[in-house]
């Protein structure tokens, strides 16, 4: 259960990173 909790925190960070990358991709597409 501790491992699941830690994995959950890492996944949340990954989720926010994905959202940032998605925003950057969107901006690049708009620029193109």
ModelCIF file with pLDDT and N, C-alpha, C, O atoms, coordinates in Angstrom:
data_MODEL
#
_entry.id   MODEL 
#
_entity.id                         1 
_entity.type                       polymer 
_entity.pdbx_number_of_molecules   1 
#
_entity_poly.entity_id                      1 
_entity_poly.type                           'polypeptide(L)' 
_entity_poly.nstd_linkage                   no 
_entity_poly.nstd_monomer                   no 
_entity_poly.pdbx_seq_one_letter_code       
;(UNK)(UNK)(UNK)(UNK)(UNK)(UNK)(UNK)(UNK)(UNK)(UNK)(UNK)(UNK)(UNK)(UNK)(UNK)(UNK)
(UNK)(UNK)(UNK)(UNK)(UNK)(UNK)(UNK)(UNK)(UNK)(UNK)(UNK)(UNK)(UNK)(UNK)(UNK)(UNK)
;
_entity_poly.pdbx_seq_one_letter_code_can   XXXXXXXXXXXXXXXXXXXXXXXXXXXXXXXX 
_entity_poly.pdbx_strand_id                 A 
#
loop_
_entity_poly_seq.entity_id 
_entity_poly_seq.num 
_entity_poly_seq.mon_id 
_entity_poly_seq.hetero 
1 1  UNK n 
1 2  UNK n 
1 3  UNK n 
1 4  UNK n 
1 5  UNK n 
1 6  UNK n 
1 7  UNK n 
1 8  UNK n 
1 9  UNK n 
1 10 UNK n 
1 11 UNK n 
1 12 UNK n 
1 13 UNK n 
1 14 UNK n 
1 15 UNK n 
1 16 UNK n 
1 17 UNK n 
1 18 UNK n 
1 19 UNK n 
1 20 UNK n 
1 21 UNK n 
1 22 UNK n 
1 23 UNK n 
1 24 UNK n 
1 25 UNK n 
1 26 UNK n 
1 27 UNK n 
1 28 UNK n 
1 29 UNK n 
1 30 UNK n 
1 31 UNK n 
1 32 UNK n 
#
_struct_asym.id          A 
_struct_asym.entity_id   1 
#
loop_
_ma_qa_metric.id 
_ma_qa_metric.mode 
_ma_qa_metric.name 
_ma_qa_metric.software_group_id 
_ma_qa_metric.type 
1 global pLDDT . pLDDT 
2 local  pLDDT . pLDDT 
#
_ma_qa_metric_global.metric_id      1 
_ma_qa_metric_global.metric_value   54.00 
_ma_qa_metric_global.model_id       1 
_ma_qa_metric_global.ordinal_id     1 
#
loop_
_ma_qa_metric_local.label_asym_id 
_ma_qa_metric_local.label_comp_id 
_ma_qa_metric_local.label_seq_id 
_ma_qa_metric_local.metric_id 
_ma_qa_metric_local.metric_value 
_ma_qa_metric_local.model_id 
_ma_qa_metric_local.ordinal_id 
A UNK 1  2 82.00 1 1  
A UNK 2  2 77.00 1 2  
A UNK 3  2 71.00 1 3  
A UNK 4  2 70.00 1 4  
A UNK 5  2 69.00 1 5  
A UNK 6  2 66.00 1 6  
A UNK 7  2 59.00 1 7  
A UNK 8  2 57.00 1 8  
A UNK 9  2 54.00 1 9  
A UNK 10 2 53.00 1 10 
A UNK 11 2 49.00 1 11 
A UNK 12 2 50.00 1 12 
A UNK 13 2 51.00 1 13 
A UNK 14 2 52.00 1 14 
A UNK 15 2 49.00 1 15 
A UNK 16 2 48.00 1 16 
A UNK 17 2 48.00 1 17 
A UNK 18 2 50.00 1 18 
A UNK 19 2 49.00 1 19 
A UNK 20 2 45.00 1 20 
A UNK 21 2 47.00 1 21 
A UNK 22 2 47.00 1 22 
A UNK 23 2 47.00 1 23 
A UNK 24 2 45.00 1 24 
A UNK 25 2 48.00 1 25 
A UNK 26 2 47.00 1 26 
A UNK 27 2 49.00 1 27 
A UNK 28 2 48.00 1 28 
A UNK 29 2 49.00 1 29 
A UNK 30 2 49.00 1 30 
A UNK 31 2 54.00 1 31 
A UNK 32 2 49.00 1 32 
#
loop_
_atom_site.group_PDB 
_atom_site.id 
_atom_site.type_symbol 
_atom_site.label_atom_id 
_atom_site.label_alt_id 
_atom_site.label_comp_id 
_atom_site.label_asym_id 
_atom_site.label_entity_id 
_atom_site.label_seq_id 
_atom_site.pdbx_PDB_ins_code 
_atom_site.Cartn_x 
_atom_site.Cartn_y 
_atom_site.Cartn_z 
_atom_site.occupancy 
_atom_site.B_iso_or_equiv 
_atom_site.pdbx_formal_charge 
_atom_site.auth_seq_id 
_atom_site.auth_comp_id 
_atom_site.auth_asym_id 
_atom_site.auth_atom_id 
_atom_site.pdbx_PDB_model_num 
ATOM 1   N N  . UNK A 1 1  ? 0.837  -1.211 0.000   1.00 82.00 ? 1  UNK A N  1 
ATOM 2   C CA . UNK A 1 1  ? 0.000  0.000  0.000   1.00 82.00 ? 1  UNK A CA 1 
ATOM 3   C C  . UNK A 1 1  ? 0.871  1.259  0.000   1.00 82.00 ? 1  UNK A C  1 
ATOM 4   O O  . UNK A 1 1  ? 0.502  2.268  -0.601  1.00 82.00 ? 1  UNK A O  1 
ATOM 5   N N  . UNK A 1 2  ? 2.028  1.203  0.675   1.00 77.00 ? 2  UNK A N  1 
ATOM 6   C CA . UNK A 1 2  ? 2.981  2.325  0.629   1.00 77.00 ? 2  UNK A CA 1 
ATOM 7   C C  . UNK A 1 2  ? 3.532  2.502  -0.786  1.00 77.00 ? 2  UNK A C  1 
ATOM 8   O O  . UNK A 1 2  ? 3.687  3.625  -1.268  1.00 77.00 ? 2  UNK A O  1 
ATOM 9   N N  . UNK A 1 3  ? 3.824  1.380  -1.442  1.00 71.00 ? 3  UNK A N  1 
ATOM 10  C CA . UNK A 1 3  ? 4.346  1.430  -2.818  1.00 71.00 ? 3  UNK A CA 1 
ATOM 11  C C  . UNK A 1 3  ? 3.318  2.035  -3.765  1.00 71.00 ? 3  UNK A C  1 
ATOM 12  O O  . UNK A 1 3  ? 3.658  2.824  -4.647  1.00 71.00 ? 3  UNK A O  1 
ATOM 13  N N  . UNK A 1 4  ? 2.060  1.656  -3.574  1.00 70.00 ? 4  UNK A N  1 
ATOM 14  C CA . UNK A 1 4  ? 0.980  2.192  -4.420  1.00 70.00 ? 4  UNK A CA 1 
ATOM 15  C C  . UNK A 1 4  ? 0.862  3.698  -4.218  1.00 70.00 ? 4  UNK A C  1 
ATOM 16  O O  . UNK A 1 4  ? 0.671  4.450  -5.174  1.00 70.00 ? 4  UNK A O  1 
ATOM 17  N N  . UNK A 1 5  ? 0.980  4.137  -2.944  1.00 69.00 ? 5  UNK A N  1 
ATOM 18  C CA . UNK A 1 5  ? 0.883  5.572  -2.643  1.00 69.00 ? 5  UNK A CA 1 
ATOM 19  C C  . UNK A 1 5  ? 2.017  6.352  -3.315  1.00 69.00 ? 5  UNK A C  1 
ATOM 20  O O  . UNK A 1 5  ? 1.796  7.425  -3.875  1.00 69.00 ? 5  UNK A O  1 
ATOM 21  N N  . UNK A 1 6  ? 3.239  5.795  -3.250  1.00 66.00 ? 6  UNK A N  1 
ATOM 22  C CA . UNK A 1 6  ? 4.391  6.452  -3.880  1.00 66.00 ? 6  UNK A CA 1 
ATOM 23  C C  . UNK A 1 6  ? 4.231  6.493  -5.400  1.00 66.00 ? 6  UNK A C  1 
ATOM 24  O O  . UNK A 1 6  ? 4.523  7.502  -6.041  1.00 66.00 ? 6  UNK A O  1 
ATOM 25  N N  . UNK A 1 7  ? 3.761  5.378  -5.963  1.00 59.00 ? 7  UNK A N  1 
ATOM 26  C CA . UNK A 1 7  ? 3.546  5.315  -7.409  1.00 59.00 ? 7  UNK A CA 1 
ATOM 27  C C  . UNK A 1 7  ? 2.491  6.323  -7.838  1.00 59.00 ? 7  UNK A C  1 
ATOM 28  O O  . UNK A 1 7  ? 2.570  6.916  -8.914  1.00 59.00 ? 7  UNK A O  1 
ATOM 29  N N  . UNK A 1 8  ? 1.494  6.503  -6.963  1.00 57.00 ? 8  UNK A N  1 
ATOM 30  C CA . UNK A 1 8  ? 0.442  7.476  -7.248  1.00 57.00 ? 8  UNK A CA 1 
ATOM 31  C C  . UNK A 1 8  ? 0.984  8.890  -7.318  1.00 57.00 ? 8  UNK A C  1 
ATOM 32  O O  . UNK A 1 8  ? 0.582  9.676  -8.176  1.00 57.00 ? 8  UNK A O  1 
ATOM 33  N N  . UNK A 1 9  ? 1.910  9.216  -6.403  1.00 54.00 ? 9  UNK A N  1 
ATOM 34  C CA . UNK A 1 9  ? 2.526  10.558 -6.409  1.00 54.00 ? 9  UNK A CA 1 
ATOM 35  C C  . UNK A 1 9  ? 3.359  10.766 -7.663  1.00 54.00 ? 9  UNK A C  1 
ATOM 36  O O  . UNK A 1 9  ? 3.322  11.833 -8.275  1.00 54.00 ? 9  UNK A O  1 
ATOM 37  N N  . UNK A 1 10 ? 4.118  9.730  -8.043  1.00 53.00 ? 10 UNK A N  1 
ATOM 38  C CA . UNK A 1 10 ? 4.944  9.823  -9.251  1.00 53.00 ? 10 UNK A CA 1 
ATOM 39  C C  . UNK A 1 10 ? 4.070  9.985  -10.493 1.00 53.00 ? 10 UNK A C  1 
ATOM 40  O O  . UNK A 1 10 ? 4.395  10.743 -11.408 1.00 53.00 ? 10 UNK A O  1 
ATOM 41  N N  . UNK A 1 11 ? 2.956  9.259  -10.503 1.00 49.00 ? 11 UNK A N  1 
ATOM 42  C CA . UNK A 1 11 ? 2.048  9.339  -11.655 1.00 49.00 ? 11 UNK A CA 1 
ATOM 43  C C  . UNK A 1 11 ? 1.400  10.704 -11.750 1.00 49.00 ? 11 UNK A C  1 
ATOM 44  O O  . UNK A 1 11 ? 1.168  11.212 -12.847 1.00 49.00 ? 11 UNK A O  1 
ATOM 45  N N  . UNK A 1 12 ? 1.107  11.302 -10.600 1.00 50.00 ? 12 UNK A N  1 
ATOM 46  C CA . UNK A 1 12 ? 0.522  12.655 -10.606 1.00 50.00 ? 12 UNK A CA 1 
ATOM 47  C C  . UNK A 1 12 ? 1.511  13.650 -11.215 1.00 50.00 ? 12 UNK A C  1 
ATOM 48  O O  . UNK A 1 12 ? 1.139  14.511 -12.012 1.00 50.00 ? 12 UNK A O  1 
ATOM 49  N N  . UNK A 1 13 ? 2.796  13.510 -10.817 1.00 51.00 ? 13 UNK A N  1 
ATOM 50  C CA . UNK A 1 13 ? 3.822  14.383 -11.403 1.00 51.00 ? 13 UNK A CA 1 
ATOM 51  C C  . UNK A 1 13 ? 3.919  14.159 -12.913 1.00 51.00 ? 13 UNK A C  1 
ATOM 52  O O  . UNK A 1 13 ? 4.081  15.100 -13.689 1.00 51.00 ? 13 UNK A O  1 
ATOM 53  N N  . UNK A 1 14 ? 3.815  12.887 -13.306 1.00 52.00 ? 14 UNK A N  1 
ATOM 54  C CA . UNK A 1 14 ? 3.855  12.544 -14.729 1.00 52.00 ? 14 UNK A CA 1 
ATOM 55  C C  . UNK A 1 14 ? 2.651  13.154 -15.440 1.00 52.00 ? 14 UNK A C  1 
ATOM 56  O O  . UNK A 1 14 ? 2.759  13.617 -16.576 1.00 52.00 ? 14 UNK A O  1 
ATOM 57  N N  . UNK A 1 15 ? 1.504  13.149 -14.762 1.00 49.00 ? 15 UNK A N  1 
ATOM 58  C CA . UNK A 1 15 ? 0.282  13.711 -15.339 1.00 49.00 ? 15 UNK A CA 1 
ATOM 59  C C  . UNK A 1 15 ? 0.444  15.208 -15.594 1.00 49.00 ? 15 UNK A C  1 
ATOM 60  O O  . UNK A 1 15 ? 0.058  15.705 -16.653 1.00 49.00 ? 15 UNK A O  1 
ATOM 61  N N  . UNK A 1 16 ? 1.016  15.928 -14.620 1.00 48.00 ? 16 UNK A N  1 
ATOM 62  C CA . UNK A 1 16 ? 1.218  17.364 -14.789 1.00 48.00 ? 16 UNK A CA 1 
ATOM 63  C C  . UNK A 1 16 ? 2.242  17.641 -15.887 1.00 48.00 ? 16 UNK A C  1 
ATOM 64  O O  . UNK A 1 16 ? 2.110  18.604 -16.642 1.00 48.00 ? 16 UNK A O  1 
ATOM 65  N N  . UNK A 1 17 ? 3.277  16.775 -15.969 1.00 48.00 ? 17 UNK A N  1 
ATOM 66  C CA . UNK A 1 17 ? 4.263  16.912 -17.044 1.00 48.00 ? 17 UNK A CA 1 
ATOM 67  C C  . UNK A 1 17 ? 3.596  16.724 -18.400 1.00 48.00 ? 17 UNK A C  1 
ATOM 68  O O  . UNK A 1 17 ? 3.863  17.465 -19.346 1.00 48.00 ? 17 UNK A O  1 
ATOM 69  N N  . UNK A 1 18 ? 2.714  15.710 -18.484 1.00 50.00 ? 18 UNK A N  1 
ATOM 70  C CA . UNK A 1 18 ? 1.986  15.443 -19.724 1.00 50.00 ? 18 UNK A CA 1 
ATOM 71  C C  . UNK A 1 18 ? 1.134  16.638 -20.116 1.00 50.00 ? 18 UNK A C  1 
ATOM 72  O O  . UNK A 1 18 ? 1.072  17.003 -21.290 1.00 50.00 ? 18 UNK A O  1 
ATOM 73  N N  . UNK A 1 19 ? 0.480  17.243 -19.141 1.00 49.00 ? 19 UNK A N  1 
ATOM 74  C CA . UNK A 1 19 ? -0.353 18.407 -19.418 1.00 49.00 ? 19 UNK A CA 1 
ATOM 75  C C  . UNK A 1 19 ? 0.484  19.569 -19.953 1.00 49.00 ? 19 UNK A C  1 
ATOM 76  O O  . UNK A 1 19 ? 0.068  20.282 -20.866 1.00 49.00 ? 19 UNK A O  1 
ATOM 77  N N  . UNK A 1 20 ? 1.684  19.749 -19.362 1.00 45.00 ? 20 UNK A N  1 
ATOM 78  C CA . UNK A 1 20 ? 2.583  20.817 -19.831 1.00 45.00 ? 20 UNK A CA 1 
ATOM 79  C C  . UNK A 1 20 ? 3.035  20.533 -21.256 1.00 45.00 ? 20 UNK A C  1 
ATOM 80  O O  . UNK A 1 20 ? 3.010  21.413 -22.117 1.00 45.00 ? 20 UNK A O  1 
ATOM 81  N N  . UNK A 1 21 ? 3.460  19.258 -21.500 1.00 47.00 ? 21 UNK A N  1 
ATOM 82  C CA . UNK A 1 21 ? 3.918  18.889 -22.845 1.00 47.00 ? 21 UNK A CA 1 
ATOM 83  C C  . UNK A 1 21 ? 2.795  19.052 -23.864 1.00 47.00 ? 21 UNK A C  1 
ATOM 84  O O  . UNK A 1 21 ? 3.024  19.487 -24.993 1.00 47.00 ? 21 UNK A O  1 
ATOM 85  N N  . UNK A 1 22 ? 1.586  18.699 -23.453 1.00 47.00 ? 22 UNK A N  1 
ATOM 86  C CA . UNK A 1 22 ? 0.431  18.844 -24.333 1.00 47.00 ? 22 UNK A CA 1 
ATOM 87  C C  . UNK A 1 22 ? 0.198  20.305 -24.684 1.00 47.00 ? 22 UNK A C  1 
ATOM 88  O O  . UNK A 1 22 ? -0.139 20.637 -25.821 1.00 47.00 ? 22 UNK A O  1 
ATOM 89  N N  . UNK A 1 23 ? 0.384  21.184 -23.682 1.00 47.00 ? 23 UNK A N  1 
ATOM 90  C CA . UNK A 1 23 ? 0.212  22.627 -23.913 1.00 47.00 ? 23 UNK A CA 1 
ATOM 91  C C  . UNK A 1 23 ? 1.272  23.144 -24.889 1.00 47.00 ? 23 UNK A C  1 
ATOM 92  O O  . UNK A 1 23 ? 0.975  23.941 -25.779 1.00 47.00 ? 23 UNK A O  1 
ATOM 93  N N  . UNK A 1 24 ? 2.518  22.677 -24.706 1.00 45.00 ? 24 UNK A N  1 
ATOM 94  C CA . UNK A 1 24 ? 3.615  23.087 -25.594 1.00 45.00 ? 24 UNK A CA 1 
ATOM 95  C C  . UNK A 1 24 ? 3.336  22.609 -27.022 1.00 45.00 ? 24 UNK A C  1 
ATOM 96  O O  . UNK A 1 24 ? 3.504  23.360 -27.983 1.00 45.00 ? 24 UNK A O  1 
ATOM 97  N N  . UNK A 1 25 ? 2.903  21.337 -27.146 1.00 48.00 ? 25 UNK A N  1 
ATOM 98  C CA . UNK A 1 25 ? 2.581  20.792 -28.471 1.00 48.00 ? 25 UNK A CA 1 
ATOM 99  C C  . UNK A 1 25 ? 1.487  21.605 -29.140 1.00 48.00 ? 25 UNK A C  1 
ATOM 100 O O  . UNK A 1 25 ? 1.547  21.878 -30.339 1.00 48.00 ? 25 UNK A O  1 
ATOM 101 N N  . UNK A 1 26 ? 0.481  21.992 -28.351 1.00 47.00 ? 26 UNK A N  1 
ATOM 102 C CA . UNK A 1 26 ? -0.632 22.779 -28.884 1.00 47.00 ? 26 UNK A CA 1 
ATOM 103 C C  . UNK A 1 26 ? -0.138 24.136 -29.393 1.00 47.00 ? 26 UNK A C  1 
ATOM 104 O O  . UNK A 1 26 ? -0.533 24.593 -30.465 1.00 47.00 ? 26 UNK A O  1 
ATOM 105 N N  . UNK A 1 27 ? 0.743  24.775 -28.595 1.00 49.00 ? 27 UNK A N  1 
ATOM 106 C CA . UNK A 1 27 ? 1.286  26.070 -28.996 1.00 49.00 ? 27 UNK A CA 1 
ATOM 107 C C  . UNK A 1 27 ? 2.126  25.951 -30.262 1.00 49.00 ? 27 UNK A C  1 
ATOM 108 O O  . UNK A 1 27 ? 2.070  26.818 -31.134 1.00 49.00 ? 27 UNK A O  1 
ATOM 109 N N  . UNK A 1 28 ? 2.912  24.864 -30.362 1.00 48.00 ? 28 UNK A N  1 
ATOM 110 C CA . UNK A 1 28 ? 3.734  24.637 -31.552 1.00 48.00 ? 28 UNK A CA 1 
ATOM 111 C C  . UNK A 1 28 ? 2.858  24.409 -32.789 1.00 48.00 ? 28 UNK A C  1 
ATOM 112 O O  . UNK A 1 28 ? 3.170  24.889 -33.878 1.00 48.00 ? 28 UNK A O  1 
ATOM 113 N N  . UNK A 1 29 ? 1.764  23.672 -32.606 1.00 49.00 ? 29 UNK A N  1 
ATOM 114 C CA . UNK A 1 29 ? 0.842  23.435 -33.717 1.00 49.00 ? 29 UNK A CA 1 
ATOM 115 C C  . UNK A 1 29 ? 0.198  24.725 -34.183 1.00 49.00 ? 29 UNK A C  1 
ATOM 116 O O  . UNK A 1 29 ? 0.040  24.953 -35.382 1.00 49.00 ? 29 UNK A O  1 
ATOM 117 N N  . UNK A 1 30 ? -0.175 25.574 -33.228 1.00 49.00 ? 30 UNK A N  1 
ATOM 118 C CA . UNK A 1 30 ? -0.765 26.871 -33.575 1.00 49.00 ? 30 UNK A CA 1 
ATOM 119 C C  . UNK A 1 30 ? 0.236  27.731 -34.341 1.00 49.00 ? 30 UNK A C  1 
ATOM 120 O O  . UNK A 1 30 ? -0.118 28.425 -35.294 1.00 49.00 ? 30 UNK A O  1 
ATOM 121 N N  . UNK A 1 31 ? 1.512  27.669 -33.898 1.00 54.00 ? 31 UNK A N  1 
ATOM 122 C CA . UNK A 1 31 ? 2.565  28.436 -34.577 1.00 54.00 ? 31 UNK A CA 1 
ATOM 123 C C  . UNK A 1 31 ? 2.758  27.942 -36.013 1.00 54.00 ? 31 UNK A C  1 
ATOM 124 O O  . UNK A 1 31 ? 2.915  28.742 -36.935 1.00 54.00 ? 31 UNK A O  1 
ATOM 125 N N  . UNK A 1 32 ? 2.743  26.618 -36.194 1.00 49.00 ? 32 UNK A N  1 
ATOM 126 C CA . UNK A 1 32 ? 2.878  26.054 -37.535 1.00 49.00 ? 32 UNK A CA 1 
ATOM 127 C C  . UNK A 1 32 ? 1.713  26.460 -38.436 1.00 49.00 ? 32 UNK A C  1 
ATOM 128 O O  . UNK A 1 32 ? 1.670  26.070 -39.603 1.00 49.00 ? 32 UNK A O  1 
#
